[in-house]
């Protein structure tokens, strides 16, 4: 039965919420920060502009139900920590920009939403399932990775944000 549920989830394109798994990471994220992304208005951008802030980078798709479950929690953390140098960037891996744009408009997401239609950023971050979020420190290094979403572990995510916000800013 479990295999059938997993097969259906994979066939639908969205991996099931596997629980919030945090894994400390010390890999440099300089290459992923240079990958071209699109804003909802179609302008080209990269993650490099967020350097100096603690950033939650979330990969999602409009058709992924577990992805939608995470957004209110990210919005709450952002509301509490935004003035401290924290940002949330939701990167859609929808194939077409209009699907991401329509979703962002409908949900009125209070954070930056970018589009990775060619999935270059997803490849650079080694994304193999969604939802997945990466916590980047002020230097742009990936420090924590959370696969799936489980609301009972959302406090852990915010504690990691606070830990990174408490670290000194890198020297320029």
C-alpha atoms as a PDB file:
ATOM      1  CA  UNK A   1       0.000   0.000   0.000  1.00  0.00           C
ATOM      2  CA  UNK A   2       2.834   2.394   0.864  1.00  0.00           C
ATOM      3  CA  UNK A   3       4.532   1.618  -2.451  1.00  0.00           C
ATOM      4  CA  UNK A   4       1.305   2.363  -4.314  1.00  0.00           C
ATOM      5  CA  UNK A   5       0.953   5.737  -2.562  1.00  0.00           C
ATOM      6  CA  UNK A   6       4.581   6.587  -3.320  1.00  0.00           C
ATOM      7  CA  UNK A   7       4.181   5.552  -6.962  1.00  0.00           C
ATOM      8  CA  UNK A   8       1.080   7.737  -7.311  1.00  0.00           C
ATOM      9  CA  UNK A   9       2.859  10.698  -5.727  1.00  0.00           C
ATOM     10  CA  UNK A  10       5.858  10.341  -8.003  1.00  0.00           C
ATOM     11  CA  UNK A  11       3.620   9.865 -11.057  1.00  0.00           C
ATOM     12  CA  UNK A  12       1.764  13.084 -10.222  1.00  0.00           C
ATOM     13  CA  UNK A  13       5.088  14.909 -10.111  1.00  0.00           C
ATOM     14  CA  UNK A  14       5.032  15.923  -6.454  1.00  0.00           C
ATOM     15  CA  UNK A  15       6.844  13.981  -3.841  1.00  0.00           C
ATOM     16  CA  UNK A  16       4.927  13.340  -0.618  1.00  0.00           C
ATOM     17  CA  UNK A  17       5.809  15.373   2.447  1.00  0.00           C
ATOM     18  CA  UNK A  18       8.548  13.284   3.949  1.00  0.00           C
ATOM     19  CA  UNK A  19       8.667  15.244   7.159  1.00  0.00           C
ATOM     20  CA  UNK A  20      10.917  18.172   7.781  1.00  0.00           C
ATOM     21  CA  UNK A  21      14.416  16.767   7.696  1.00  0.00           C
ATOM     22  CA  UNK A  22      17.179  19.157   8.521  1.00  0.00           C
ATOM     23  CA  UNK A  23      20.698  18.455   7.421  1.00  0.00           C
ATOM     24  CA  UNK A  24      23.498  20.892   8.205  1.00  0.00           C
ATOM     25  CA  UNK A  25      25.305  21.794   5.008  1.00  0.00           C
ATOM     26  CA  UNK A  26      28.514  23.760   4.604  1.00  0.00           C
ATOM     27  CA  UNK A  27      28.677  23.716   0.802  1.00  0.00           C
ATOM     28  CA  UNK A  28      29.361  27.014  -0.915  1.00  0.00           C
ATOM     29  CA  UNK A  29      26.349  28.256  -2.825  1.00  0.00           C
ATOM     30  CA  UNK A  30      28.178  30.732  -5.056  1.00  0.00           C
ATOM     31  CA  UNK A  31      27.449  28.813  -8.273  1.00  0.00           C
ATOM     32  CA  UNK A  32      23.691  28.368  -7.611  1.00  0.00           C
ATOM     33  CA  UNK A  33      23.470  32.070  -6.766  1.00  0.00           C
ATOM     34  CA  UNK A  34      24.547  32.955 -10.319  1.00  0.00           C
ATOM     35  CA  UNK A  35      21.942  30.818 -12.120  1.00  0.00           C
ATOM     36  CA  UNK A  36      19.511  33.003 -14.085  1.00  0.00           C
ATOM     37  CA  UNK A  37      15.951  33.117 -12.780  1.00  0.00           C
ATOM     38  CA  UNK A  38      12.904  35.111 -13.844  1.00  0.00           C
ATOM     39  CA  UNK A  39      10.792  37.435 -11.733  1.00  0.00           C
ATOM     40  CA  UNK A  40       7.018  37.213 -12.098  1.00  0.00           C
ATOM     41  CA  UNK A  41       7.221  40.116 -14.551  1.00  0.00           C
ATOM     42  CA  UNK A  42       9.702  38.156 -16.695  1.00  0.00           C
ATOM     43  CA  UNK A  43      12.843  40.116 -15.750  1.00  0.00           C
ATOM     44  CA  UNK A  44      16.094  38.166 -15.379  1.00  0.00           C
ATOM     45  CA  UNK A  45      17.640  38.016 -11.895  1.00  0.00           C
ATOM     46  CA  UNK A  46      19.814  35.800  -9.681  1.00  0.00           C
ATOM     47  CA  UNK A  47      20.013  34.956  -5.991  1.00  0.00           C
ATOM     48  CA  UNK A  48      23.275  36.921  -5.701  1.00  0.00           C
ATOM     49  CA  UNK A  49      21.297  40.060  -4.834  1.00  0.00           C
ATOM     50  CA  UNK A  50      20.251  38.491  -1.528  1.00  0.00           C
ATOM     51  CA  UNK A  51      23.812  38.156  -0.248  1.00  0.00           C
ATOM     52  CA  UNK A  52      24.154  39.804   3.160  1.00  0.00           C
ATOM     53  CA  UNK A  53      20.793  38.452   4.326  1.00  0.00           C
ATOM     54  CA  UNK A  54      19.736  35.111   5.728  1.00  0.00           C
ATOM     55  CA  UNK A  55      17.603  33.591   2.981  1.00  0.00           C
ATOM     56  CA  UNK A  56      15.095  30.770   2.925  1.00  0.00           C
ATOM     57  CA  UNK A  57      15.107  29.484  -0.661  1.00  0.00           C
ATOM     58  CA  UNK A  58      12.088  27.283  -1.316  1.00  0.00           C
ATOM     59  CA  UNK A  59      11.576  25.192  -4.460  1.00  0.00           C
ATOM     60  CA  UNK A  60       7.920  24.552  -5.275  1.00  0.00           C
ATOM     61  CA  UNK A  61       5.384  24.060  -8.062  1.00  0.00           C
ATOM     62  CA  UNK A  62       1.789  25.209  -8.440  1.00  0.00           C
ATOM     63  CA  UNK A  63       0.562  21.601  -8.664  1.00  0.00           C
ATOM     64  CA  UNK A  64       2.292  20.469  -5.437  1.00  0.00           C
ATOM     65  CA  UNK A  65      -0.113  20.388  -2.467  1.00  0.00           C
ATOM     66  CA  UNK A  66       2.599  19.984   0.224  1.00  0.00           C
ATOM     67  CA  UNK A  67       4.364  23.021  -1.248  1.00  0.00           C
ATOM     68  CA  UNK A  68       1.278  25.168  -0.645  1.00  0.00           C
ATOM     69  CA  UNK A  69       1.095  24.008   2.980  1.00  0.00           C
ATOM     70  CA  UNK A  70       4.509  25.530   3.728  1.00  0.00           C
ATOM     71  CA  UNK A  71       3.791  29.060   2.437  1.00  0.00           C
ATOM     72  CA  UNK A  72       1.782  30.341   5.456  1.00  0.00           C
ATOM     73  CA  UNK A  73       4.578  29.238   7.785  1.00  0.00           C
ATOM     74  CA  UNK A  74       7.217  30.963   5.665  1.00  0.00           C
ATOM     75  CA  UNK A  75       5.069  34.118   5.634  1.00  0.00           C
ATOM     76  CA  UNK A  76       4.799  34.035   9.448  1.00  0.00           C
ATOM     77  CA  UNK A  77       8.558  33.651   9.899  1.00  0.00           C
ATOM     78  CA  UNK A  78       9.148  36.460   7.410  1.00  0.00           C
ATOM     79  CA  UNK A  79       6.725  38.757   9.243  1.00  0.00           C
ATOM     80  CA  UNK A  80       8.595  38.200  12.509  1.00  0.00           C
ATOM     81  CA  UNK A  81      12.162  38.349  11.141  1.00  0.00           C
ATOM     82  CA  UNK A  82      12.086  40.573   8.053  1.00  0.00           C
ATOM     83  CA  UNK A  83      13.570  43.631   9.751  1.00  0.00           C
ATOM     84  CA  UNK A  84      16.469  41.496  10.967  1.00  0.00           C
ATOM     85  CA  UNK A  85      17.922  40.826   7.515  1.00  0.00           C
ATOM     86  CA  UNK A  86      15.828  37.798   6.579  1.00  0.00           C
ATOM     87  CA  UNK A  87      14.253  37.063   3.203  1.00  0.00           C
ATOM     88  CA  UNK A  88      12.143  34.290   1.707  1.00  0.00           C
ATOM     89  CA  UNK A  89      12.529  33.453  -1.978  1.00  0.00           C
ATOM     90  CA  UNK A  90      10.094  30.938  -3.456  1.00  0.00           C
ATOM     91  CA  UNK A  91      11.382  29.475  -6.722  1.00  0.00           C
ATOM     92  CA  UNK A  92       8.753  27.885  -8.937  1.00  0.00           C
ATOM     93  CA  UNK A  93       9.824  24.968 -11.094  1.00  0.00           C
ATOM     94  CA  UNK A  94       6.618  25.106 -13.128  1.00  0.00           C
ATOM     95  CA  UNK A  95       7.433  24.721 -16.809  1.00  0.00           C
ATOM     96  CA  UNK A  96       5.653  27.915 -17.803  1.00  0.00           C
ATOM     97  CA  UNK A  97       5.883  31.291 -16.125  1.00  0.00           C
ATOM     98  CA  UNK A  98       2.132  31.930 -16.334  1.00  0.00           C
ATOM     99  CA  UNK A  99       1.346  28.986 -14.004  1.00  0.00           C
ATOM    100  CA  UNK A 100       3.680  30.408 -11.380  1.00  0.00           C
ATOM    101  CA  UNK A 101       2.436  33.959 -11.939  1.00  0.00           C
ATOM    102  CA  UNK A 102      -1.222  32.934 -11.619  1.00  0.00           C
ATOM    103  CA  UNK A 103      -0.515  30.956  -8.461  1.00  0.00           C
ATOM    104  CA  UNK A 104       1.442  33.806  -6.850  1.00  0.00           C
ATOM    105  CA  UNK A 105      -1.323  36.281  -7.668  1.00  0.00           C
ATOM    106  CA  UNK A 106      -4.074  34.005  -6.346  1.00  0.00           C
ATOM    107  CA  UNK A 107      -2.232  33.244  -3.091  1.00  0.00           C
ATOM    108  CA  UNK A 108      -0.883  36.805  -2.613  1.00  0.00           C
ATOM    109  CA  UNK A 109       2.474  35.536  -1.428  1.00  0.00           C
ATOM    110  CA  UNK A 110       4.228  38.152   0.741  1.00  0.00           C
ATOM    111  CA  UNK A 111       7.723  37.188  -0.362  1.00  0.00           C
ATOM    112  CA  UNK A 112       9.723  37.180  -3.562  1.00  0.00           C
ATOM    113  CA  UNK A 113       8.612  34.600  -6.109  1.00  0.00           C
ATOM    114  CA  UNK A 114      10.974  33.629  -8.904  1.00  0.00           C
ATOM    115  CA  UNK A 115      10.667  31.187 -11.800  1.00  0.00           C
ATOM    116  CA  UNK A 116      13.074  28.404 -12.793  1.00  0.00           C
ATOM    117  CA  UNK A 117      11.290  26.993 -15.833  1.00  0.00           C
ATOM    118  CA  UNK A 118      14.422  25.306 -17.189  1.00  0.00           C
ATOM    119  CA  UNK A 119      15.167  23.992 -13.677  1.00  0.00           C
ATOM    120  CA  UNK A 120      18.759  25.204 -13.802  1.00  0.00           C
ATOM    121  CA  UNK A 121      18.662  26.490 -10.212  1.00  0.00           C
ATOM    122  CA  UNK A 122      16.996  23.273  -9.081  1.00  0.00           C
ATOM    123  CA  UNK A 123      19.851  21.332 -10.677  1.00  0.00           C
ATOM    124  CA  UNK A 124      22.468  23.642  -9.136  1.00  0.00           C
ATOM    125  CA  UNK A 125      20.939  23.055  -5.680  1.00  0.00           C
ATOM    126  CA  UNK A 126      20.570  19.286  -6.392  1.00  0.00           C
ATOM    127  CA  UNK A 127      16.806  19.371  -5.868  1.00  0.00           C
ATOM    128  CA  UNK A 128      15.367  15.871  -6.223  1.00  0.00           C
ATOM    129  CA  UNK A 129      11.976  16.397  -4.609  1.00  0.00           C
ATOM    130  CA  UNK A 130       9.676  19.244  -3.719  1.00  0.00           C
ATOM    131  CA  UNK A 131       8.964  20.910  -1.492  1.00  0.00           C
ATOM    132  CA  UNK A 132      12.489  21.531  -0.373  1.00  0.00           C
ATOM    133  CA  UNK A 133      13.954  24.613   1.222  1.00  0.00           C
ATOM    134  CA  UNK A 134      17.505  25.722   1.794  1.00  0.00           C
ATOM    135  CA  UNK A 135      18.593  28.140   4.498  1.00  0.00           C
ATOM    136  CA  UNK A 136      21.464  30.299   3.324  1.00  0.00           C
ATOM    137  CA  UNK A 137      23.592  32.295   5.713  1.00  0.00           C
ATOM    138  CA  UNK A 138      24.586  35.917   5.105  1.00  0.00           C
ATOM    139  CA  UNK A 139      27.590  34.771   3.056  1.00  0.00           C
ATOM    140  CA  UNK A 140      25.308  32.794   0.756  1.00  0.00           C
ATOM    141  CA  UNK A 141      26.346  29.352   2.019  1.00  0.00           C
ATOM    142  CA  UNK A 142      23.743  26.606   2.309  1.00  0.00           C
ATOM    143  CA  UNK A 143      23.574  25.790   6.012  1.00  0.00           C
ATOM    144  CA  UNK A 144      20.374  23.768   6.414  1.00  0.00           C
ATOM    145  CA  UNK A 145      18.204  21.766   4.035  1.00  0.00           C
ATOM    146  CA  UNK A 146      14.596  20.797   4.738  1.00  0.00           C
ATOM    147  CA  UNK A 147      13.021  18.109   2.544  1.00  0.00           C
ATOM    148  CA  UNK A 148       9.240  17.961   2.561  1.00  0.00           C
ATOM    149  CA  UNK A 149       7.112  19.932   4.978  1.00  0.00           C
ATOM    150  CA  UNK A 150       5.705  19.043   8.374  1.00  0.00           C
ATOM    151  CA  UNK A 151       4.036  21.862  10.309  1.00  0.00           C
ATOM    152  CA  UNK A 152       4.983  20.254  13.629  1.00  0.00           C
ATOM    153  CA  UNK A 153       8.643  20.953  12.818  1.00  0.00           C
ATOM    154  CA  UNK A 154       8.151  24.559  11.644  1.00  0.00           C
ATOM    155  CA  UNK A 155       9.481  25.914  14.953  1.00  0.00           C
ATOM    156  CA  UNK A 156      12.773  24.109  14.292  1.00  0.00           C
ATOM    157  CA  UNK A 157      13.020  25.931  10.970  1.00  0.00           C
ATOM    158  CA  UNK A 158      12.525  29.309  12.635  1.00  0.00           C
ATOM    159  CA  UNK A 159      15.096  28.439  15.306  1.00  0.00           C
ATOM    160  CA  UNK A 160      17.615  27.778  12.546  1.00  0.00           C
ATOM    161  CA  UNK A 161      16.733  31.138  10.968  1.00  0.00           C
ATOM    162  CA  UNK A 162      17.344  32.812  14.343  1.00  0.00           C
ATOM    163  CA  UNK A 163      20.652  30.977  14.727  1.00  0.00           C
ATOM    164  CA  UNK A 164      21.833  32.263  11.349  1.00  0.00           C
ATOM    165  CA  UNK A 165      20.558  35.783  12.043  1.00  0.00           C
ATOM    166  CA  UNK A 166      22.612  35.775  15.247  1.00  0.00           C
ATOM    167  CA  UNK A 167      25.847  35.103  13.405  1.00  0.00           C
ATOM    168  CA  UNK A 168      28.048  38.061  12.458  1.00  0.00           C
ATOM    169  CA  UNK A 169      27.827  39.363   8.916  1.00  0.00           C
ATOM    170  CA  UNK A 170      30.710  38.256   6.708  1.00  0.00           C
ATOM    171  CA  UNK A 171      33.494  40.700   5.951  1.00  0.00           C
ATOM    172  CA  UNK A 172      33.336  42.166   2.487  1.00  0.00           C
END
